[in-house]
Amino acid sequence: MNVFWGTDFEAMDKCFDSREDDGSGGQWFVEHRSWKRYQFLESIVLSIMELGLECTLESPEERVVIKEVVNKLNKIKLALLHDMCLML
């Protein structure tokens, strides 16, 4: 069972939306923006999970080196900070 696909999108929209439908068709923009934000956050979570799996491979030779882990986590952090700045 995929936890992400069981998510209530209406509840997520309420969390991400800051505007109400004013009758001018603006609700589509809000929903589209919310969906884009959801996709972005989902990609962040998937990146972290993928990195975690790379770190736990059975063979030590196949595991990612810690320097690369730190670099990937810093890139993820910067992407999140950039997204937060855009939301302000």
N, C-alpha and C. Protein backbone atom coordinates (compact mmCIF):
# COMPACT_ATOMS: atom_id res chain seq x y z
N MET A 1 0.84 -1.18 0.00
CA MET A 1 0.00 0.00 0.00
C MET A 1 0.88 1.24 0.00
N ASN A 2 0.63 2.16 -0.92
CA ASN A 2 1.40 3.39 -1.03
C ASN A 2 0.75 4.47 -0.17
N VAL A 3 1.45 4.91 0.84
CA VAL A 3 0.92 5.92 1.76
C VAL A 3 0.60 7.22 1.04
N PHE A 4 1.44 7.60 0.07
CA PHE A 4 1.26 8.87 -0.61
C PHE A 4 -0.04 8.92 -1.40
N TRP A 5 -0.41 7.82 -2.00
CA TRP A 5 -1.61 7.84 -2.84
C TRP A 5 -2.88 7.80 -2.00
N GLY A 6 -2.78 7.49 -0.73
CA GLY A 6 -3.93 7.50 0.15
C GLY A 6 -4.20 8.87 0.75
N THR A 7 -3.41 9.87 0.36
CA THR A 7 -3.52 11.20 0.94
C THR A 7 -4.78 11.90 0.46
N ASP A 8 -5.39 12.63 1.36
CA ASP A 8 -6.58 13.42 1.04
C ASP A 8 -6.13 14.73 0.39
N PHE A 9 -6.32 14.85 -0.92
CA PHE A 9 -5.84 16.02 -1.63
C PHE A 9 -6.58 17.30 -1.22
N GLU A 10 -7.84 17.18 -0.87
CA GLU A 10 -8.57 18.37 -0.43
C GLU A 10 -7.95 18.94 0.85
N ALA A 11 -7.60 18.09 1.77
CA ALA A 11 -6.97 18.55 3.00
C ALA A 11 -5.62 19.18 2.70
N MET A 12 -4.89 18.60 1.76
CA MET A 12 -3.59 19.18 1.40
C MET A 12 -3.78 20.54 0.75
N ASP A 13 -4.78 20.68 -0.12
CA ASP A 13 -5.04 21.96 -0.76
C ASP A 13 -5.32 23.04 0.28
N LYS A 14 -6.07 22.68 1.31
CA LYS A 14 -6.37 23.66 2.35
C LYS A 14 -5.11 24.11 3.06
N CYS A 15 -4.16 23.21 3.20
CA CYS A 15 -2.90 23.57 3.84
C CYS A 15 -2.06 24.49 2.96
N PHE A 16 -2.08 24.25 1.66
CA PHE A 16 -1.21 25.00 0.76
C PHE A 16 -1.86 26.27 0.21
N ASP A 17 -3.19 26.33 0.15
CA ASP A 17 -3.87 27.48 -0.44
C ASP A 17 -4.00 28.61 0.57
N SER A 18 -3.74 29.80 0.06
CA SER A 18 -3.91 30.97 0.92
C SER A 18 -5.00 31.88 0.37
N ARG A 19 -5.58 31.52 -0.78
CA ARG A 19 -6.61 32.34 -1.39
C ARG A 19 -7.91 31.56 -1.49
N GLU A 20 -9.00 32.27 -1.45
CA GLU A 20 -10.31 31.67 -1.65
C GLU A 20 -10.75 31.93 -3.09
N ASP A 21 -11.73 31.19 -3.54
CA ASP A 21 -12.28 31.40 -4.88
C ASP A 21 -13.08 32.69 -4.87
N ASP A 22 -12.64 33.65 -5.69
CA ASP A 22 -13.32 34.95 -5.74
C ASP A 22 -14.28 35.04 -6.92
N GLY A 23 -14.53 33.92 -7.60
CA GLY A 23 -15.44 33.90 -8.73
C GLY A 23 -14.79 34.30 -10.05
N SER A 24 -13.54 34.68 -10.01
CA SER A 24 -12.86 35.13 -11.23
C SER A 24 -12.05 34.02 -11.88
N GLY A 25 -12.22 32.82 -11.44
CA GLY A 25 -11.45 31.71 -11.99
C GLY A 25 -10.11 31.53 -11.30
N GLY A 26 -9.88 32.30 -10.24
CA GLY A 26 -8.62 32.22 -9.52
C GLY A 26 -8.42 30.90 -8.81
N GLN A 27 -9.50 30.17 -8.55
CA GLN A 27 -9.39 28.90 -7.83
C GLN A 27 -8.56 27.91 -8.63
N TRP A 28 -8.68 27.93 -9.97
CA TRP A 28 -7.87 27.02 -10.78
C TRP A 28 -6.40 27.28 -10.54
N PHE A 29 -6.01 28.56 -10.48
CA PHE A 29 -4.61 28.90 -10.24
C PHE A 29 -4.15 28.36 -8.89
N VAL A 30 -4.99 28.53 -7.89
CA VAL A 30 -4.65 28.07 -6.54
C VAL A 30 -4.50 26.55 -6.53
N GLU A 31 -5.43 25.84 -7.16
CA GLU A 31 -5.35 24.38 -7.20
C GLU A 31 -4.13 23.92 -7.98
N HIS A 32 -3.85 24.61 -9.10
CA HIS A 32 -2.69 24.25 -9.91
C HIS A 32 -1.41 24.49 -9.11
N ARG A 33 -1.33 25.63 -8.41
CA ARG A 33 -0.16 25.94 -7.60
C ARG A 33 -0.01 24.91 -6.49
N SER A 34 -1.13 24.53 -5.87
CA SER A 34 -1.08 23.53 -4.80
C SER A 34 -0.57 22.20 -5.33
N TRP A 35 -1.05 21.83 -6.51
CA TRP A 35 -0.62 20.56 -7.09
C TRP A 35 0.86 20.59 -7.41
N LYS A 36 1.35 21.72 -7.94
CA LYS A 36 2.78 21.86 -8.23
C LYS A 36 3.59 21.77 -6.95
N ARG A 37 3.11 22.41 -5.89
CA ARG A 37 3.81 22.37 -4.61
C ARG A 37 3.81 20.94 -4.06
N TYR A 38 2.68 20.27 -4.17
CA TYR A 38 2.61 18.87 -3.72
C TYR A 38 3.62 18.03 -4.48
N GLN A 39 3.70 18.20 -5.80
CA GLN A 39 4.64 17.42 -6.60
C GLN A 39 6.07 17.72 -6.17
N PHE A 40 6.35 18.99 -5.89
CA PHE A 40 7.69 19.36 -5.44
C PHE A 40 8.02 18.68 -4.12
N LEU A 41 7.10 18.77 -3.16
CA LEU A 41 7.35 18.16 -1.85
C LEU A 41 7.46 16.65 -1.94
N GLU A 42 6.66 16.06 -2.81
CA GLU A 42 6.74 14.61 -3.02
C GLU A 42 8.11 14.25 -3.58
N SER A 43 8.64 15.05 -4.50
CA SER A 43 9.95 14.76 -5.07
C SER A 43 11.04 14.87 -4.00
N ILE A 44 10.88 15.81 -3.06
CA ILE A 44 11.84 15.95 -1.97
C ILE A 44 11.82 14.70 -1.08
N VAL A 45 10.63 14.27 -0.71
CA VAL A 45 10.50 13.07 0.14
C VAL A 45 11.07 11.86 -0.58
N LEU A 46 10.77 11.72 -1.85
CA LEU A 46 11.28 10.57 -2.60
C LEU A 46 12.80 10.62 -2.72
N SER A 47 13.37 11.82 -2.87
CA SER A 47 14.83 11.96 -2.93
C SER A 47 15.47 11.50 -1.63
N ILE A 48 14.88 11.90 -0.52
CA ILE A 48 15.42 11.50 0.78
C ILE A 48 15.30 9.99 0.98
N MET A 49 14.17 9.43 0.60
CA MET A 49 13.98 7.99 0.74
C MET A 49 14.95 7.22 -0.15
N GLU A 50 15.14 7.70 -1.37
CA GLU A 50 16.07 7.06 -2.29
C GLU A 50 17.49 7.10 -1.74
N LEU A 51 17.86 8.25 -1.19
CA LEU A 51 19.19 8.38 -0.59
C LEU A 51 19.34 7.41 0.59
N GLY A 52 18.30 7.30 1.40
CA GLY A 52 18.33 6.36 2.51
C GLY A 52 18.53 4.93 2.05
N LEU A 53 17.87 4.56 0.96
CA LEU A 53 18.04 3.21 0.41
C LEU A 53 19.45 3.00 -0.11
N GLU A 54 20.02 4.04 -0.73
CA GLU A 54 21.40 3.95 -1.22
C GLU A 54 22.38 3.75 -0.07
N CYS A 55 22.07 4.33 1.08
CA CYS A 55 22.94 4.23 2.26
C CYS A 55 22.84 2.87 2.94
N THR A 56 21.78 2.13 2.65
CA THR A 56 21.56 0.87 3.35
C THR A 56 21.69 -0.35 2.44
N LEU A 57 22.35 -0.18 1.32
CA LEU A 57 22.59 -1.33 0.45
C LEU A 57 23.38 -2.39 1.19
N GLU A 58 23.14 -3.63 0.87
CA GLU A 58 23.76 -4.75 1.59
C GLU A 58 25.28 -4.73 1.46
N SER A 59 25.76 -4.47 0.27
CA SER A 59 27.20 -4.48 0.03
C SER A 59 27.80 -3.10 0.35
N PRO A 60 28.78 -3.03 1.24
CA PRO A 60 29.41 -1.75 1.57
C PRO A 60 30.02 -1.05 0.34
N GLU A 61 30.49 -1.84 -0.62
CA GLU A 61 31.08 -1.25 -1.83
C GLU A 61 30.04 -0.53 -2.69
N GLU A 62 28.79 -0.97 -2.59
CA GLU A 62 27.72 -0.37 -3.40
C GLU A 62 27.11 0.86 -2.72
N ARG A 63 27.34 1.01 -1.42
CA ARG A 63 26.76 2.14 -0.69
C ARG A 63 27.38 3.45 -1.12
N VAL A 64 26.59 4.50 -1.01
CA VAL A 64 27.07 5.83 -1.35
C VAL A 64 28.01 6.32 -0.24
N VAL A 65 29.07 7.04 -0.61
CA VAL A 65 30.02 7.53 0.39
C VAL A 65 29.41 8.73 1.12
N ILE A 66 29.83 8.94 2.36
CA ILE A 66 29.22 9.93 3.22
C ILE A 66 29.35 11.35 2.65
N LYS A 67 30.44 11.63 1.97
CA LYS A 67 30.63 12.96 1.37
C LYS A 67 29.53 13.25 0.34
N GLU A 68 29.19 12.23 -0.43
CA GLU A 68 28.12 12.38 -1.42
C GLU A 68 26.76 12.51 -0.75
N VAL A 69 26.57 11.80 0.37
CA VAL A 69 25.32 11.91 1.13
C VAL A 69 25.14 13.34 1.62
N VAL A 70 26.19 13.92 2.18
CA VAL A 70 26.13 15.29 2.68
C VAL A 70 25.83 16.26 1.54
N ASN A 71 26.48 16.08 0.40
CA ASN A 71 26.22 16.95 -0.76
C ASN A 71 24.76 16.86 -1.22
N LYS A 72 24.23 15.63 -1.30
CA LYS A 72 22.83 15.46 -1.73
C LYS A 72 21.86 16.08 -0.72
N LEU A 73 22.13 15.88 0.58
CA LEU A 73 21.26 16.46 1.60
C LEU A 73 21.31 17.99 1.58
N ASN A 74 22.48 18.56 1.33
CA ASN A 74 22.58 20.02 1.22
C ASN A 74 21.81 20.55 0.02
N LYS A 75 21.84 19.81 -1.09
CA LYS A 75 21.06 20.22 -2.27
C LYS A 75 19.57 20.18 -1.97
N ILE A 76 19.13 19.17 -1.26
CA ILE A 76 17.72 19.05 -0.88
C ILE A 76 17.35 20.20 0.04
N LYS A 77 18.21 20.50 1.01
CA LYS A 77 17.95 21.60 1.94
C LYS A 77 17.84 22.93 1.19
N LEU A 78 18.75 23.16 0.25
CA LEU A 78 18.70 24.41 -0.52
C LEU A 78 17.42 24.51 -1.36
N ALA A 79 17.00 23.40 -1.92
CA ALA A 79 15.75 23.40 -2.70
C ALA A 79 14.56 23.75 -1.81
N LEU A 80 14.54 23.19 -0.60
CA LEU A 80 13.45 23.49 0.34
C LEU A 80 13.49 24.95 0.78
N LEU A 81 14.68 25.46 1.08
CA LEU A 81 14.80 26.86 1.49
C LEU A 81 14.37 27.80 0.37
N HIS A 82 14.75 27.46 -0.85
CA HIS A 82 14.35 28.27 -2.00
C HIS A 82 12.83 28.27 -2.15
N ASP A 83 12.24 27.10 -1.99
CA ASP A 83 10.78 27.00 -2.08
C ASP A 83 10.11 27.80 -0.99
N MET A 84 10.66 27.76 0.21
CA MET A 84 10.08 28.52 1.32
C MET A 84 10.15 30.02 1.05
N CYS A 85 11.25 30.49 0.47
CA CYS A 85 11.38 31.90 0.12
C CYS A 85 10.35 32.33 -0.91
N LEU A 86 10.08 31.45 -1.86
CA LEU A 86 9.09 31.76 -2.89
C LEU A 86 7.68 31.84 -2.30
N MET A 87 7.44 31.12 -1.21
CA MET A 87 6.11 31.11 -0.59
C MET A 87 5.84 32.37 0.21
N LEU A 88 6.88 33.12 0.58
CA LEU A 88 6.70 34.33 1.37
C LEU A 88 6.07 35.44 0.60
